[in-house]
């Protein structure tokens, strides 16, 4: 993986694109990563992987639902999820103090 500054990327964008064919190019601004450039083929592979993972998750959810393992997503479920989230946020705040 190649790392370059945003200034270098702007001045040499054609080279950035050429480099992306061989692997990721990370672009940094003030020493912090702000973007990654990669090839079109890799972007297609990533999209295919995301779709495959989504399909697997949906199939698993349907199996669980069919087996009676699914919980209804009603107001009570929303309240439980929100309460759990508030507890996690409070715990995280305590760790940082």
Foldseek 3Di string as FASTA:
>chain_A
DAEEEPVVCVVPVVVQQVVQAVHKYFYDYPPHTDDIDHDPVVVVVVVVVVVVVVVVVVVVVVVCVVVVNDDDDDPVVVVVVVVVVVVVVVVVVVVVD
